[in-house]
Amino acid sequence: MAKVSTPHILHRHVSIRRSGRVVRNVLTQSLISDIKQGRLKKDDEISADEKNWVRLDRHYQLASYFSTKNPSSSGDLPPDVEKHLSELSQMLKELS
């Protein structure tokens, strides 16, 4: 049977900084649920020693929990854009 690797937790508690305010002794095990529930924001910072700070959305283990909106997703386009693209496509075909 293959062994399932689990992430190794280096620190049990970390500090979180938001707008200059520091919250100490935050359980590392609660970070992901706090992110998912919106209690932690992407620009909050995390530190184990309060000397070196990293934004949560740039932390190598936590960055993936912050969705990055894709600017080319069709959900952001106007509702009639497909109709206009079809018309434009037809006009280009007629020109060539």
Protein backbone atom coordinates (compact mmCIF):
# COMPACT_ATOMS: atom_id res chain seq x y z
CA MET A 1 0.00 0.00 0.00
CA ALA A 2 1.31 3.46 -0.88
CA LYS A 3 1.86 5.89 1.94
CA VAL A 4 -0.23 9.04 1.77
CA SER A 5 1.89 12.09 2.48
CA THR A 6 0.42 14.69 4.75
CA PRO A 7 1.77 18.23 4.94
CA HIS A 8 4.29 18.64 7.72
CA ILE A 9 3.33 21.43 10.10
CA LEU A 10 6.41 23.40 11.09
CA HIS A 11 4.65 25.72 13.53
CA ARG A 12 1.56 25.13 15.65
CA HIS A 13 0.87 28.83 16.10
CA VAL A 14 1.54 31.83 13.89
CA SER A 15 0.81 35.53 13.98
CA ILE A 16 -1.49 37.28 11.54
CA ARG A 17 -1.10 40.97 10.68
CA ARG A 18 -3.81 43.11 9.10
CA SER A 19 -3.48 46.87 8.68
CA GLY A 20 -0.72 46.99 11.29
CA ARG A 21 -2.72 45.07 13.91
CA VAL A 22 -1.17 41.75 14.98
CA VAL A 23 -3.13 38.76 16.24
CA ARG A 24 -0.86 36.25 17.97
CA ASN A 25 -1.14 32.52 18.68
CA VAL A 26 -3.37 31.68 15.72
CA LEU A 27 -3.57 27.90 15.27
CA THR A 28 -2.09 26.90 11.93
CA GLN A 29 -4.72 24.18 11.62
CA SER A 30 -7.44 26.85 11.51
CA LEU A 31 -5.90 28.92 8.70
CA ILE A 32 -7.54 27.14 5.76
CA SER A 33 -11.02 27.17 7.26
CA ASP A 34 -10.57 30.84 8.21
CA ILE A 35 -9.62 31.61 4.60
CA LYS A 36 -12.57 29.65 3.19
CA GLN A 37 -14.98 31.37 5.58
CA GLY A 38 -13.62 34.81 4.65
CA ARG A 39 -12.15 35.63 8.05
CA LEU A 40 -8.68 35.86 6.56
CA LYS A 41 -8.08 37.98 3.47
CA LYS A 42 -5.49 37.61 0.73
CA ASP A 43 -3.59 40.71 1.83
CA ASP A 44 -3.36 39.61 5.48
CA GLU A 45 0.17 38.67 6.43
CA ILE A 46 1.47 35.61 8.27
CA SER A 47 4.61 35.14 10.35
CA ALA A 48 6.06 32.52 12.65
CA ASP A 49 8.56 34.91 14.25
CA GLU A 50 6.95 38.36 13.73
CA LYS A 51 10.10 39.44 11.90
CA ASN A 52 9.46 37.96 8.47
CA TRP A 53 5.97 38.53 7.08
CA VAL A 54 4.38 37.03 3.96
CA ARG A 55 1.03 37.91 2.41
CA LEU A 56 -1.35 34.97 2.60
CA ASP A 57 -1.94 35.00 -1.17
CA ARG A 58 1.83 34.73 -1.71
CA HIS A 59 2.47 31.99 0.84
CA TYR A 60 3.51 28.80 -0.94
CA GLN A 61 1.07 26.62 1.01
CA LEU A 62 -1.88 29.03 1.24
CA ALA A 63 -1.91 30.90 -2.08
CA SER A 64 -4.02 28.26 -3.79
CA TYR A 65 -6.92 28.95 -1.41
CA PHE A 66 -7.37 32.44 -2.83
CA SER A 67 -9.26 32.42 -6.09
CA THR A 68 -7.81 34.49 -8.87
CA LYS A 69 -10.51 35.75 -11.14
CA ASN A 70 -9.83 34.97 -14.77
CA PRO A 71 -10.41 38.18 -16.77
CA SER A 72 -11.29 36.20 -19.88
CA SER A 73 -14.04 34.14 -18.28
CA SER A 74 -17.34 34.32 -20.13
CA GLY A 75 -19.22 35.21 -16.94
CA ASP A 76 -17.79 38.74 -17.14
CA LEU A 77 -18.91 39.36 -20.72
CA PRO A 78 -22.07 41.21 -21.72
CA PRO A 79 -25.02 38.90 -22.42
CA ASP A 80 -25.22 39.70 -26.15
CA VAL A 81 -21.50 39.42 -26.89
CA GLU A 82 -21.85 36.10 -28.73
CA LYS A 83 -24.42 37.61 -31.09
CA HIS A 84 -22.09 40.53 -31.83
CA LEU A 85 -19.14 38.22 -32.39
CA SER A 86 -21.20 36.14 -34.84
CA GLU A 87 -22.20 39.25 -36.74
CA LEU A 88 -18.61 40.45 -36.82
CA SER A 89 -17.43 37.03 -37.99
CA GLN A 90 -19.99 37.07 -40.80
CA MET A 91 -18.93 40.57 -41.89
CA LEU A 92 -15.28 39.50 -42.00
CA LYS A 93 -16.17 36.47 -44.11
CA GLU A 94 -18.04 38.71 -46.55
CA LEU A 95 -15.02 41.03 -46.83
CA SER A 96 -12.59 38.25 -47.70
